[in-house]
Amino acid sequence: MDFLNALVALLNYVIIPATTYGSQLAFGALGVTIIYGTLRFSNYAGGETMAWGAMFTILFTWFFQSIGISIQPLPTALLALPFSIIVTVLLMLAIDQSVYKYYRVKRSDPSIVIIVSLGVAMMMNATTRIIIGPKDRNFFEAYKILAKHDENYMPPELKNLVKKNAK
C-alpha cells in the first residue's frame, strides 16, 4: 500500500505538473512558430494571449461557481474552458483588426510591427493585472474529492484547506 501511495504522490506532485507545464511551454512555442510562419513577425503578445485565456478561464470558473453550475466529477474550470477560448479568440481577432491590420495594409517594416506587438503585450498585461490583480488566485474544488481521501497522506497545508472548505 505504501508503494501505491508513493506512486500516486509521484504522479500528483511531479509527473502531472511537469507534463502540464511542459505542454504549456510547447503550445506557446507552437503558437509563436505558427504566427511567425504566417505573418513573418515575432508577436510579443503571444504570452499575454495565453495569460488572457487563463484570466477568462478563471473569470468563467468564478462565475459558474457563483451560480452553482458544475458537471460532477469534473472541475468547473473544464466547463469554463470552451467559453474562455471563444472569448479569447474573439478579442484577439478584434485586436488584429483594430491594431495589426493598419500596419499590414501600410506594409510597415517588420521592426515597427514588432514594436507595436510589444505595446499590445504591455496593454494586455496591464489589463490582466487590473481585472484579476497581481496576486495568486485559488479556486479550490479538490476538497470535494480529497475530503474522502485518507487525511494522513495529505500535506498539512492541504489538510487545513480541506477542513476550511468543507465547512
Foldseek 3Di string as FASTA:
>chain_A
DVVVLVVVCCCVPPVVVVVVVVVVVVVLVVVQVVCCVPVVARQPQSVLLVVQLVLQLVVQLVVCVVVVDDDPPDRSSVVRNVVSVVVSVVVVVVCCVVPVVVCVVVVHDRVVVNVSSVVVNVVSVVVSCVVPNPDDDDDDDCLVVCVPPDPVSDDPVVSVVSVVVVD
